[in-house]
Amino acid sequence: MARLTSRQLINSVEIVELYLKFKNAFNYGNQKYSTWKNMIKHITGIHENKIIRKIFYHLLNKNKFQKQTKVNSIFYIFNPTNKKQIVIDKVIFE
């Protein structure tokens, strides 16, 4: 198991935050943790779940993600500016 120093962890958090801002991840809407985990794996190249979870929790504690509970599931939305979230339900095209 590879260990990250605190500086490497902070750098990873900053890189993930910048990438998600660049990709306008706010527009992705509410996603489960697994979606964000796969995105963090892609961005950092780190595949250890403990480290990915640590990076995610750092972003969550910095209020870059908002947590929502729907029915018995937890969803997260990337919201770096803490702007008011507009709730949009799924649109079904027939």
C-alpha atoms as a PDB file:
ATOM      1  CA  MET A   1       0.000   0.000   0.000  1.00  0.00           C
ATOM      2  CA  ALA A   2       1.487   3.288  -1.101  1.00  0.00           C
ATOM      3  CA  ARG A   3       1.263   6.100   1.413  1.00  0.00           C
ATOM      4  CA  LEU A   4       0.860   9.737   0.557  1.00  0.00           C
ATOM      5  CA  THR A   5       2.525  12.488   2.516  1.00  0.00           C
ATOM      6  CA  SER A   6       0.261  15.285   3.689  1.00  0.00           C
ATOM      7  CA  ARG A   7       1.704  17.554   0.975  1.00  0.00           C
ATOM      8  CA  GLN A   8       0.958  14.988  -1.753  1.00  0.00           C
ATOM      9  CA  LEU A   9      -2.571  14.605  -0.396  1.00  0.00           C
ATOM     10  CA  ILE A  10      -3.131  18.371  -0.460  1.00  0.00           C
ATOM     11  CA  ASN A  11      -1.763  18.540  -4.012  1.00  0.00           C
ATOM     12  CA  SER A  12      -4.109  15.730  -5.076  1.00  0.00           C
ATOM     13  CA  VAL A  13      -7.083  17.519  -3.521  1.00  0.00           C
ATOM     14  CA  GLU A  14      -6.163  20.745  -5.331  1.00  0.00           C
ATOM     15  CA  ILE A  15      -5.699  18.952  -8.662  1.00  0.00           C
ATOM     16  CA  VAL A  16      -9.066  17.199  -8.342  1.00  0.00           C
ATOM     17  CA  GLU A  17     -10.790  20.466  -7.421  1.00  0.00           C
ATOM     18  CA  LEU A  18      -9.256  22.327 -10.385  1.00  0.00           C
ATOM     19  CA  TYR A  19     -10.131  19.535 -12.802  1.00  0.00           C
ATOM     20  CA  LEU A  20     -13.748  19.358 -11.632  1.00  0.00           C
ATOM     21  CA  LYS A  21     -14.056  23.147 -11.942  1.00  0.00           C
ATOM     22  CA  PHE A  22     -12.554  23.007 -15.435  1.00  0.00           C
ATOM     23  CA  LYS A  23     -15.013  20.284 -16.494  1.00  0.00           C
ATOM     24  CA  ASN A  24     -17.976  22.188 -14.951  1.00  0.00           C
ATOM     25  CA  ALA A  25     -18.795  19.176 -12.803  1.00  0.00           C
ATOM     26  CA  PHE A  26     -21.577  21.203 -11.173  1.00  0.00           C
ATOM     27  CA  ASN A  27     -23.605  20.417 -14.284  1.00  0.00           C
ATOM     28  CA  TYR A  28     -23.279  16.674 -13.665  1.00  0.00           C
ATOM     29  CA  GLY A  29     -25.927  17.011 -10.963  1.00  0.00           C
ATOM     30  CA  ASN A  30     -26.446  14.648  -8.058  1.00  0.00           C
ATOM     31  CA  GLN A  31     -24.251  11.577  -8.348  1.00  0.00           C
ATOM     32  CA  LYS A  32     -23.498   8.707  -6.010  1.00  0.00           C
ATOM     33  CA  TYR A  33     -20.102   8.432  -4.354  1.00  0.00           C
ATOM     34  CA  SER A  34     -19.031   5.688  -6.771  1.00  0.00           C
ATOM     35  CA  THR A  35     -19.257   8.077  -9.728  1.00  0.00           C
ATOM     36  CA  TRP A  36     -17.100  10.680  -7.999  1.00  0.00           C
ATOM     37  CA  LYS A  37     -14.693   7.945  -6.856  1.00  0.00           C
ATOM     38  CA  ASN A  38     -14.175   6.778 -10.442  1.00  0.00           C
ATOM     39  CA  MET A  39     -13.634  10.355 -11.564  1.00  0.00           C
ATOM     40  CA  ILE A  40     -11.026  10.954  -8.824  1.00  0.00           C
ATOM     41  CA  LYS A  41      -9.288   7.707  -9.847  1.00  0.00           C
ATOM     42  CA  HIS A  42      -9.167   8.956 -13.436  1.00  0.00           C
ATOM     43  CA  ILE A  43      -7.848  12.390 -12.453  1.00  0.00           C
ATOM     44  CA  THR A  44      -5.155  11.289  -9.997  1.00  0.00           C
ATOM     45  CA  GLY A  45      -4.209   7.842 -11.264  1.00  0.00           C
ATOM     46  CA  ILE A  46      -4.515   6.555  -7.687  1.00  0.00           C
ATOM     47  CA  HIS A  47      -6.450   3.303  -7.355  1.00  0.00           C
ATOM     48  CA  GLU A  48      -6.442   2.758  -3.594  1.00  0.00           C
ATOM     49  CA  ASN A  49      -9.899   3.239  -2.154  1.00  0.00           C
ATOM     50  CA  LYS A  50      -8.650   4.550   1.215  1.00  0.00           C
ATOM     51  CA  ILE A  51      -6.744   7.370  -0.443  1.00  0.00           C
ATOM     52  CA  ILE A  52      -9.602   8.164  -2.839  1.00  0.00           C
ATOM     53  CA  ARG A  53     -12.002   8.333   0.124  1.00  0.00           C
ATOM     54  CA  LYS A  54      -9.558  10.639   1.954  1.00  0.00           C
ATOM     55  CA  ILE A  55      -9.385  12.998  -1.030  1.00  0.00           C
ATOM     56  CA  PHE A  56     -13.176  12.973  -1.332  1.00  0.00           C
ATOM     57  CA  TYR A  57     -13.642  13.722   2.383  1.00  0.00           C
ATOM     58  CA  HIS A  58     -11.199  16.619   2.162  1.00  0.00           C
ATOM     59  CA  LEU A  59     -13.326  18.107  -0.618  1.00  0.00           C
ATOM     60  CA  LEU A  60     -16.504  17.393   1.350  1.00  0.00           C
ATOM     61  CA  ASN A  61     -15.086  19.116   4.446  1.00  0.00           C
ATOM     62  CA  LYS A  62     -14.065  22.129   2.329  1.00  0.00           C
ATOM     63  CA  ASN A  63     -17.751  22.368   1.281  1.00  0.00           C
ATOM     64  CA  LYS A  64     -16.940  21.658  -2.358  1.00  0.00           C
ATOM     65  CA  PHE A  65     -19.554  18.897  -2.355  1.00  0.00           C
ATOM     66  CA  GLN A  66     -23.081  19.078  -1.041  1.00  0.00           C
ATOM     67  CA  LYS A  67     -24.635  15.944   0.387  1.00  0.00           C
ATOM     68  CA  GLN A  68     -28.259  15.022  -0.262  1.00  0.00           C
ATOM     69  CA  THR A  69     -30.261  12.034   0.891  1.00  0.00           C
ATOM     70  CA  LYS A  70     -32.983  10.676  -1.355  1.00  0.00           C
ATOM     71  CA  VAL A  71     -34.965   7.642  -0.288  1.00  0.00           C
ATOM     72  CA  ASN A  72     -32.190   5.488   1.215  1.00  0.00           C
ATOM     73  CA  SER A  73     -29.359   6.715  -0.988  1.00  0.00           C
ATOM     74  CA  ILE A  74     -26.830   9.482  -0.544  1.00  0.00           C
ATOM     75  CA  PHE A  75     -26.027  11.728  -3.484  1.00  0.00           C
ATOM     76  CA  TYR A  76     -23.354  14.401  -3.837  1.00  0.00           C
ATOM     77  CA  ILE A  77     -23.169  17.420  -6.094  1.00  0.00           C
ATOM     78  CA  PHE A  78     -19.965  19.337  -6.812  1.00  0.00           C
ATOM     79  CA  ASN A  79     -20.625  22.944  -5.880  1.00  0.00           C
ATOM     80  CA  PRO A  80     -17.339  24.852  -5.474  1.00  0.00           C
ATOM     81  CA  THR A  81     -18.937  28.298  -5.227  1.00  0.00           C
ATOM     82  CA  ASN A  82     -21.767  27.261  -2.888  1.00  0.00           C
ATOM     83  CA  LYS A  83     -24.241  28.919  -5.183  1.00  0.00           C
ATOM     84  CA  LYS A  84     -27.911  28.153  -4.745  1.00  0.00           C
ATOM     85  CA  GLN A  85     -28.686  24.738  -6.117  1.00  0.00           C
ATOM     86  CA  ILE A  86     -31.591  24.478  -8.498  1.00  0.00           C
ATOM     87  CA  VAL A  87     -33.356  21.157  -8.154  1.00  0.00           C
ATOM     88  CA  ILE A  88     -34.100  19.697 -11.556  1.00  0.00           C
ATOM     89  CA  ASP A  89     -35.941  16.440 -11.861  1.00  0.00           C
ATOM     90  CA  LYS A  90     -35.292  14.035 -14.680  1.00  0.00           C
ATOM     91  CA  VAL A  91     -36.750  15.064 -17.989  1.00  0.00           C
ATOM     92  CA  ILE A  92     -38.346  12.250 -19.960  1.00  0.00           C
ATOM     93  CA  PHE A  93     -38.551  12.698 -23.703  1.00  0.00           C
ATOM     94  CA  GLU A  94     -41.122  10.638 -25.530  1.00  0.00           C
END
